[in-house]
């Protein structure tokens, strides 16, 4: 896994109505590394996930997505 992680990510599922995120902060060592992300359209909604989850479930960079069907 690349460290530090790239800045832009696409979520596998919608999170609070958003799919495109940017890295705000990152830290930790070894298996305890984490990344704080925020939606590109809402810089106040910050959340933290493990680096392992980021690389295993998310897509690096922003990709074009079809609209979610609700």
C-alpha atoms as a PDB file:
ATOM      1  CA  UNK A   1       0.000   0.000   0.000  1.00  0.00           C
ATOM      2  CA  UNK A   2       1.297   3.377  -1.002  1.00  0.00           C
ATOM      3  CA  UNK A   3       2.100   5.747   1.875  1.00  0.00           C
ATOM      4  CA  UNK A   4       1.057   8.519   2.031  1.00  0.00           C
ATOM      5  CA  UNK A   5      -2.160   7.669   0.188  1.00  0.00           C
ATOM      6  CA  UNK A   6      -3.347   9.551  -2.931  1.00  0.00           C
ATOM      7  CA  UNK A   7      -5.587  12.582  -2.312  1.00  0.00           C
ATOM      8  CA  UNK A   8      -8.741  11.585  -4.245  1.00  0.00           C
ATOM      9  CA  UNK A   9     -10.953   8.519  -3.683  1.00  0.00           C
ATOM     10  CA  UNK A  10     -14.289   7.108  -4.817  1.00  0.00           C
ATOM     11  CA  UNK A  11     -16.418   5.263  -2.273  1.00  0.00           C
ATOM     12  CA  UNK A  12     -17.898   1.859  -3.195  1.00  0.00           C
ATOM     13  CA  UNK A  13     -21.236   3.010  -1.722  1.00  0.00           C
ATOM     14  CA  UNK A  14     -22.884   6.349  -1.082  1.00  0.00           C
ATOM     15  CA  UNK A  15     -21.936   7.854   2.290  1.00  0.00           C
ATOM     16  CA  UNK A  16     -24.347  10.587   3.395  1.00  0.00           C
ATOM     17  CA  UNK A  17     -25.205  11.241  -0.253  1.00  0.00           C
ATOM     18  CA  UNK A  18     -21.585  11.439  -1.459  1.00  0.00           C
ATOM     19  CA  UNK A  19     -19.262   9.135  -3.409  1.00  0.00           C
ATOM     20  CA  UNK A  20     -16.196  11.333  -4.093  1.00  0.00           C
ATOM     21  CA  UNK A  21     -13.831  12.128  -1.229  1.00  0.00           C
ATOM     22  CA  UNK A  22     -10.516  13.798  -0.500  1.00  0.00           C
ATOM     23  CA  UNK A  23      -7.891  12.988   2.113  1.00  0.00           C
ATOM     24  CA  UNK A  24      -7.794  15.524   4.966  1.00  0.00           C
ATOM     25  CA  UNK A  25      -5.235  13.838   7.201  1.00  0.00           C
ATOM     26  CA  UNK A  26      -3.514  10.508   7.767  1.00  0.00           C
ATOM     27  CA  UNK A  27      -1.414   8.865  10.428  1.00  0.00           C
ATOM     28  CA  UNK A  28      -0.556   5.798  12.444  1.00  0.00           C
ATOM     29  CA  UNK A  29       2.139   3.172  11.964  1.00  0.00           C
ATOM     30  CA  UNK A  30       2.189  -0.281  10.428  1.00  0.00           C
ATOM     31  CA  UNK A  31      -1.182  -2.068  10.546  1.00  0.00           C
ATOM     32  CA  UNK A  32      -2.708   0.797  12.551  1.00  0.00           C
ATOM     33  CA  UNK A  33      -2.520   3.405   9.782  1.00  0.00           C
ATOM     34  CA  UNK A  34      -5.655   5.480   9.200  1.00  0.00           C
ATOM     35  CA  UNK A  35      -6.977   8.128   6.815  1.00  0.00           C
ATOM     36  CA  UNK A  36      -9.426  10.982   7.444  1.00  0.00           C
ATOM     37  CA  UNK A  37     -11.648  11.706   4.448  1.00  0.00           C
ATOM     38  CA  UNK A  38     -14.209  14.378   3.604  1.00  0.00           C
ATOM     39  CA  UNK A  39     -16.736  14.634   0.746  1.00  0.00           C
ATOM     40  CA  UNK A  40     -15.666  17.043  -1.988  1.00  0.00           C
ATOM     41  CA  UNK A  41     -18.943  18.967  -1.575  1.00  0.00           C
ATOM     42  CA  UNK A  42     -18.990  19.052   2.248  1.00  0.00           C
ATOM     43  CA  UNK A  43     -15.632  19.802   3.820  1.00  0.00           C
ATOM     44  CA  UNK A  44     -17.098  19.638   7.357  1.00  0.00           C
ATOM     45  CA  UNK A  45     -18.135  15.955   7.274  1.00  0.00           C
ATOM     46  CA  UNK A  46     -14.851  14.280   8.187  1.00  0.00           C
ATOM     47  CA  UNK A  47     -14.589  10.582   9.073  1.00  0.00           C
ATOM     48  CA  UNK A  48     -11.732   8.151   9.685  1.00  0.00           C
ATOM     49  CA  UNK A  49     -11.166   4.693   8.187  1.00  0.00           C
ATOM     50  CA  UNK A  50      -8.250   2.269   8.242  1.00  0.00           C
ATOM     51  CA  UNK A  51      -5.736   2.387   5.417  1.00  0.00           C
ATOM     52  CA  UNK A  52      -6.423  -1.313   4.839  1.00  0.00           C
ATOM     53  CA  UNK A  53     -10.157  -0.625   4.273  1.00  0.00           C
ATOM     54  CA  UNK A  54      -9.349   2.303   1.981  1.00  0.00           C
ATOM     55  CA  UNK A  55      -7.153   0.232  -0.322  1.00  0.00           C
ATOM     56  CA  UNK A  56      -9.306  -2.912  -0.258  1.00  0.00           C
ATOM     57  CA  UNK A  57     -12.745  -1.339  -0.798  1.00  0.00           C
ATOM     58  CA  UNK A  58     -12.316   2.127  -2.321  1.00  0.00           C
ATOM     59  CA  UNK A  59     -11.065   3.259  -5.754  1.00  0.00           C
ATOM     60  CA  UNK A  60      -8.131   5.625  -5.954  1.00  0.00           C
ATOM     61  CA  UNK A  61      -9.053   8.803  -7.897  1.00  0.00           C
ATOM     62  CA  UNK A  62     -12.512   9.988  -8.878  1.00  0.00           C
ATOM     63  CA  UNK A  63     -14.416   7.845 -11.344  1.00  0.00           C
ATOM     64  CA  UNK A  64     -17.630   8.651 -13.202  1.00  0.00           C
ATOM     65  CA  UNK A  65     -20.564   6.855 -11.610  1.00  0.00           C
ATOM     66  CA  UNK A  66     -24.149   6.215 -12.572  1.00  0.00           C
ATOM     67  CA  UNK A  67     -26.708   7.777 -10.230  1.00  0.00           C
ATOM     68  CA  UNK A  68     -27.766   5.599  -7.300  1.00  0.00           C
ATOM     69  CA  UNK A  69     -31.217   4.095  -7.599  1.00  0.00           C
ATOM     70  CA  UNK A  70     -33.162   4.611  -4.371  1.00  0.00           C
END
